[in-house]
Protein backbone atom coordinates (compact mmCIF):
# COMPACT_ATOMS: atom_id res chain seq x y z
CA MET A 1 32.85 -13.79 22.61
CA LEU A 2 30.75 -13.57 19.81
CA HIS A 3 27.94 -11.06 21.09
CA TRP A 4 24.25 -12.55 20.77
CA GLN A 5 22.74 -10.12 18.48
CA ASN A 6 25.23 -10.77 15.81
CA PHE A 7 25.02 -14.71 16.65
CA MET A 8 21.45 -14.34 16.00
CA LEU A 9 21.90 -12.29 13.01
CA LEU A 10 23.97 -14.78 11.46
CA VAL A 11 21.54 -17.64 12.22
CA LEU A 12 19.04 -15.78 10.76
CA GLU A 13 20.79 -14.84 7.58
CA ALA A 14 21.70 -18.60 7.09
CA ALA A 15 18.00 -19.46 7.28
CA GLY A 16 16.96 -16.87 4.81
CA MET A 17 15.36 -14.53 7.54
CA MET A 18 16.65 -11.23 8.79
CA PRO A 19 14.88 -8.99 11.23
CA ALA A 20 13.04 -6.61 9.87
CA ALA A 21 13.82 -4.33 12.74
CA PHE A 22 16.12 -4.77 15.53
CA PHE A 23 15.88 -2.26 18.50
CA ILE A 24 16.98 -2.29 22.02
CA PRO A 25 14.70 -0.36 24.45
CA GLN A 26 16.90 0.20 27.97
CA LYS A 27 14.63 -2.76 29.49
CA LEU A 28 13.72 -4.72 26.58
CA LYS A 29 15.05 -6.87 24.01
CA VAL A 30 13.01 -6.97 20.72
CA CYS A 31 13.15 -8.38 17.02
CA ILE A 32 10.85 -8.85 14.23
CA PHE A 33 11.44 -11.85 11.96
CA VAL A 34 10.11 -11.72 8.47
CA LYS A 35 10.97 -13.74 5.52
CA THR A 36 9.82 -11.33 3.01
CA ALA A 37 11.81 -8.38 4.41
CA LYS A 38 13.81 -7.78 1.42
CA ASP A 39 10.74 -7.80 -0.67
CA MET A 40 9.01 -5.54 1.80
CA SER A 41 11.89 -3.20 1.90
CA GLY A 42 11.54 -2.48 -1.77
CA HIS A 43 8.06 -1.92 -1.53
CA SER A 44 8.55 0.87 0.99
CA LYS A 45 11.12 2.58 -1.44
CA TRP A 46 8.36 2.26 -4.21
CA SER A 47 5.78 4.24 -1.85
CA THR A 48 8.31 6.53 -0.86
CA ILE A 49 8.91 7.43 -4.61
CA LYS A 50 5.48 7.47 -5.21
CA ARG A 51 4.56 9.69 -2.47
CA LYS A 52 7.21 12.64 -3.74
CA LYS A 53 6.15 11.94 -7.07
CA GLY A 54 2.53 12.75 -5.59
CA ALA A 55 3.67 15.32 -3.84
CA LEU A 56 4.12 17.45 -7.46
CA ASP A 57 1.66 15.46 -8.87
CA ALA A 58 -0.60 17.76 -11.34
CA LYS A 59 -3.10 15.09 -11.49
CA ARG A 60 -4.47 15.36 -8.18
CA SER A 61 -8.37 15.61 -9.28
CA LYS A 62 -7.49 12.16 -10.30
CA ILE A 63 -6.46 10.78 -6.91
CA PHE A 64 -9.38 12.87 -5.70
CA SER A 65 -11.77 10.72 -7.61
CA ARG A 66 -10.49 7.55 -6.66
CA VAL A 67 -10.67 8.61 -2.93
CA ILE A 68 -14.41 9.58 -3.57
CA LYS A 69 -14.69 6.18 -5.20
CA GLU A 70 -13.99 4.24 -1.85
CA ILE A 71 -15.88 6.62 0.04
CA ASN A 72 -18.97 5.84 -2.11
CA VAL A 73 -18.75 2.01 -1.51
CA ALA A 74 -17.56 2.32 1.93
CA VAL A 75 -21.36 4.63 2.69
CA LYS A 76 -23.46 2.21 0.41
CA GLU A 77 -21.70 -0.77 2.40
CA GLY A 78 -21.90 0.60 6.02
CA GLY A 79 -23.95 3.72 6.18
CA ASN A 80 -22.73 7.57 6.24
CA GLU A 81 -21.67 7.45 9.88
CA PRO A 82 -17.82 7.09 10.61
CA GLU A 83 -18.14 6.08 13.90
CA GLY A 84 -20.03 2.81 13.54
CA ASN A 85 -18.09 2.20 9.86
CA PRO A 86 -14.59 1.43 9.88
CA ARG A 87 -14.57 1.54 6.20
CA LEU A 88 -15.45 4.80 6.03
CA ARG A 89 -13.27 5.62 8.81
CA LEU A 90 -10.51 4.70 7.01
CA ALA A 91 -11.64 6.30 3.62
CA ILE A 92 -11.78 9.50 5.35
CA ALA A 93 -8.01 9.13 6.73
CA ASN A 94 -6.82 8.22 3.26
CA ALA A 95 -9.19 11.32 2.01
CA LYS A 96 -7.20 13.37 4.74
CA GLY A 97 -3.62 11.82 3.76
CA VAL A 98 -3.93 13.26 0.04
CA ASN A 99 -5.14 16.43 1.51
CA MET A 100 -8.46 16.74 0.24
CA PRO A 101 -10.50 19.84 1.85
CA LYS A 102 -13.01 18.66 4.74
CA ASP A 103 -15.98 20.04 2.56
CA ASN A 104 -15.01 17.94 -0.24
CA ILE A 105 -14.99 14.74 2.09
CA GLN A 106 -18.27 15.60 3.62
CA ARG A 107 -19.83 16.27 0.12
CA ALA A 108 -18.68 13.01 -1.21
CA ILE A 109 -20.10 11.17 2.06
CA SER A 110 -23.32 12.70 1.19
CA LYS A 111 -23.61 12.38 -2.40
CA ALA A 112 -22.64 8.56 -1.61
CA GLY A 113 -26.24 8.24 0.22
CA ASP A 114 -28.29 9.52 -2.60
CA LYS A 115 -30.19 6.73 -4.15
CA ASN A 116 -29.19 8.18 -7.60
CA ALA A 117 -25.40 7.79 -6.84
CA ALA A 118 -23.55 5.46 -9.39
CA ASP A 119 -22.80 1.75 -8.02
CA PHE A 120 -19.17 0.75 -8.02
CA GLN A 121 -18.02 -3.02 -8.36
CA GLU A 122 -14.91 -4.19 -6.83
CA VAL A 123 -12.96 -6.14 -9.50
CA THR A 124 -9.46 -7.37 -9.74
CA TYR A 125 -7.56 -8.38 -13.33
CA GLU A 126 -3.90 -10.13 -13.38
CA ALA A 127 -1.77 -9.54 -16.03
CA TYR A 128 1.98 -10.05 -17.24
CA GLY A 129 3.93 -7.64 -18.79
CA ASN A 130 6.87 -8.01 -21.21
CA PHE A 131 10.00 -9.39 -19.47
CA GLY A 132 7.91 -11.71 -17.53
CA VAL A 133 6.46 -9.14 -14.89
CA ALA A 134 3.54 -10.00 -12.91
CA ILE A 135 0.89 -7.27 -12.75
CA TYR A 136 -2.30 -7.21 -10.52
CA ILE A 137 -4.86 -4.45 -11.13
CA GLU A 138 -7.66 -3.68 -8.61
CA CYS A 139 -10.29 -1.54 -9.75
CA LEU A 140 -14.04 0.60 -9.03
CA THR A 141 -16.09 0.71 -11.76
CA ASP A 142 -19.80 1.01 -12.51
CA ASN A 143 -19.37 -0.14 -16.29
CA LEU A 144 -17.04 -3.49 -16.52
CA GLN A 145 -17.15 -3.40 -20.26
CA ARG A 146 -15.26 0.06 -20.10
CA THR A 147 -13.14 -1.30 -17.60
CA VAL A 148 -11.80 -4.54 -19.21
CA SER A 149 -11.61 -2.83 -22.45
CA ALA A 150 -9.46 -0.08 -21.28
CA VAL A 151 -7.41 -2.34 -19.37
CA ARG A 152 -6.64 -4.74 -22.30
CA SER A 153 -5.86 -1.85 -24.67
CA ILE A 154 -3.27 -0.45 -22.44
CA LEU A 155 -1.48 -3.72 -21.78
CA ASN A 156 -1.77 -4.61 -25.75
CA LYS A 157 0.09 -1.13 -26.30
CA HIS A 158 2.53 -2.23 -23.77
CA GLU A 159 3.09 -6.07 -24.99
CA GLY A 160 1.49 -7.32 -21.75
CA LYS A 161 -1.34 -9.63 -21.83
CA LEU A 162 -4.13 -10.23 -19.38
CA GLU A 163 -4.56 -13.40 -17.68
CA THR A 164 -7.11 -15.56 -16.35
CA LYS A 165 -8.80 -14.47 -12.70
CA GLY A 166 -6.27 -16.36 -9.93
CA ALA A 167 -3.39 -17.20 -12.23
CA LEU A 168 -1.15 -14.94 -10.60
CA SER A 169 -2.59 -14.87 -6.83
CA PHE A 170 0.02 -17.10 -5.67
CA LEU A 171 2.89 -14.71 -6.54
CA PHE A 172 1.69 -12.21 -3.87
CA ASP A 173 0.63 -11.89 -0.49
CA ARG A 174 -2.05 -9.74 1.00
CA LYS A 175 -0.64 -7.27 3.52
CA GLY A 176 -1.68 -4.66 5.36
CA VAL A 177 0.43 -1.45 4.92
CA PHE A 178 0.37 1.80 6.75
CA THR A 179 2.24 4.97 6.13
CA ILE A 180 2.57 7.43 9.11
CA PRO A 181 4.68 10.71 9.26
CA GLU A 182 7.45 10.61 11.90
CA LYS A 183 6.31 13.56 13.14
CA VAL A 184 2.38 12.41 14.10
CA VAL A 185 4.10 10.13 16.46
CA LYS A 186 6.14 12.63 17.80
CA GLU A 187 3.23 14.99 18.26
CA LYS A 188 1.69 12.67 20.42
CA GLY A 189 4.96 12.36 23.14
CA MET A 190 5.76 9.24 21.93
CA GLU A 191 9.46 7.69 21.66
CA GLU A 192 10.29 5.41 18.54
CA ASP A 193 10.68 2.62 20.83
CA ASP A 194 7.60 2.92 22.66
CA PHE A 195 5.52 3.70 19.20
CA LEU A 196 7.35 0.19 17.73
CA MET A 197 6.29 -1.93 20.80
CA GLU A 198 2.89 -1.01 20.67
CA VAL A 199 2.43 -1.27 16.99
CA ILE A 200 4.47 -4.88 17.21
CA ASP A 201 1.81 -5.81 19.81
CA ALA A 202 -1.08 -5.17 17.55
CA GLY A 203 0.37 -7.26 14.96
CA ALA A 204 2.98 -5.57 13.00
CA GLU A 205 5.02 -8.25 10.89
CA GLU A 206 7.53 -5.32 10.10
CA ALA A 207 8.01 -1.96 11.14
CA GLU A 208 10.55 0.82 9.56
CA ASN A 209 11.37 4.39 9.32
CA GLU A 210 12.59 6.03 6.31
CA GLU A 211 12.73 9.50 5.21
CA GLY A 212 10.37 10.81 8.01
CA PHE A 213 7.67 8.01 7.34
CA TYR A 214 6.99 4.93 9.02
CA THR A 215 5.90 2.10 7.23
CA ILE A 216 3.75 -0.78 9.49
CA TYR A 217 2.98 -4.04 7.55
CA THR A 218 0.40 -6.66 8.92
CA ALA A 219 -1.14 -9.71 7.83
CA MET A 220 -4.41 -9.07 6.22
CA GLU A 221 -6.50 -10.59 9.25
CA ASP A 222 -4.69 -8.24 11.58
CA PHE A 223 -5.29 -5.03 9.40
CA GLY A 224 -8.30 -3.91 11.48
CA SER A 225 -6.72 -4.73 14.84
CA MET A 226 -3.93 -2.36 13.98
CA MET A 227 -6.38 0.43 12.95
CA LYS A 228 -8.08 -0.06 16.04
CA LYS A 229 -4.78 0.19 17.93
CA LEU A 230 -4.15 3.29 15.89
CA GLU A 231 -7.17 5.14 16.65
CA GLU A 232 -6.46 4.23 20.29
CA MET A 233 -3.09 5.99 20.46
CA GLY A 234 -4.66 8.82 18.41
CA VAL A 235 -1.72 8.32 15.80
CA GLU A 236 -3.77 9.25 12.44
CA ALA A 237 -1.81 7.29 9.28
CA GLU A 238 -1.55 9.21 6.08
CA ASN A 239 -2.53 6.06 4.02
CA ALA A 240 -3.77 2.67 5.17
CA GLU A 241 -4.88 -0.11 2.82
CA LEU A 242 -4.49 -3.66 1.75
CA GLN A 243 -1.66 -4.10 -0.64
CA ARG A 244 -0.39 -7.31 -2.61
CA ILE A 245 3.33 -7.48 -1.94
CA PRO A 246 5.35 -9.60 -4.29
CA LYS A 247 6.79 -13.00 -3.15
CA THR A 248 9.46 -12.66 -5.20
CA THR A 249 11.00 -10.13 -7.71
CA VAL A 250 11.99 -9.80 -11.51
CA LYS A 251 15.33 -8.03 -12.17
CA LEU A 252 15.48 -6.15 -15.34
CA ASP A 253 18.47 -4.08 -16.94
CA LYS A 254 17.32 -0.39 -16.63
CA GLU A 255 15.86 0.27 -20.55
CA SER A 256 13.85 -2.80 -19.79
CA ALA A 257 12.63 -1.56 -16.44
CA GLN A 258 11.45 1.87 -17.65
CA LYS A 259 9.07 -0.06 -20.04
CA ILE A 260 7.26 -1.61 -17.68
CA LEU A 261 6.71 1.63 -15.60
CA LYS A 262 5.44 3.28 -18.35
CA MET A 263 2.66 0.50 -18.60
CA ILE A 264 2.45 1.09 -14.90
CA ASP A 265 1.98 4.57 -15.18
CA ALA A 266 -0.53 4.20 -18.48
CA LEU A 267 -2.51 1.98 -15.93
CA GLU A 268 -2.71 4.07 -12.96
CA ASP A 269 -3.79 6.96 -15.35
CA GLU A 270 -6.87 5.00 -16.07
CA ASP A 271 -10.25 6.47 -14.35
CA ASP A 272 -11.55 3.27 -13.09
CA ILE A 273 -8.28 1.69 -11.85
CA GLN A 274 -7.54 2.25 -7.90
CA HIS A 275 -4.14 0.48 -7.42
CA VAL A 276 -1.46 -1.48 -9.66
CA PHE A 277 0.71 -3.82 -7.88
CA HIS A 278 4.01 -5.63 -9.62
CA ASN A 279 6.77 -7.68 -8.56
CA MET A 280 9.43 -6.19 -10.64
CA GLU A 281 12.46 -5.69 -8.61
CA LEU A 282 13.39 -1.97 -8.10
CA THR A 283 17.16 -1.61 -8.20
CA GLU A 284 19.10 1.41 -6.83
CA GLU A 285 19.83 2.52 -10.52
CA LEU A 286 16.11 2.26 -11.46
CA MET A 287 15.28 4.27 -8.85
CA ALA A 288 18.09 6.85 -8.87
CA SER A 289 16.47 7.36 -12.60
CA MET A 290 12.94 8.50 -11.48
């Protein structure tokens, strides 16, 4: 007789849907079904690589600078009291996630409330890199002309091309992405099954545990409810943000992929750029070389 789990897996595989998580507590059976599980999984591996690189990254000051900009925007939007400002609470949590000292965080909050503090504007750029790879760039800047000039210069140097606004948005889904150290959950005395049940109730579309970190994905509209649920549980994410997850990916050979990664690194090094998203497939061969 075909076991019900195997039967469901066959049905889902035939429909192009695989369970993003499949776990069986003693009294309950639960599946999370996600059509984009493959792309999300690749994105999770990319995040793991960047996390490892970040831990050894000598450019810590640039990481801090980006977090300070997020704090600045949050304070100007909703005031300097974290209790009444969800965006500021999120920015503070992300600052802690990159090991920013408490004094630096408080100084950034105080400085953002100064009337002479810079006003940062959120702006996005869409581009195609070489080999048809889509690039989505998110910036925080106090000088639009400087930023667009820098973005265009990097793209031109790496054979990329800036596109009109909205030209590539259909290639990405905007998702809430939470990265939580496994040890944080354990410190709260929670079993993995219990923790996953809680985040599913809060709107998780996919939850996975890889190399000591949980990565949780939500629809954009469920980002706030997931933040609230984690706060209620006393579970502090190392990083939580809205990201652009590719609906489909472009597979390149190793040499071509490395050229794209050089362009992405150059963009991420630019001070005005906060995030760079792309739809290049991260093959095992490419990841092994990083």
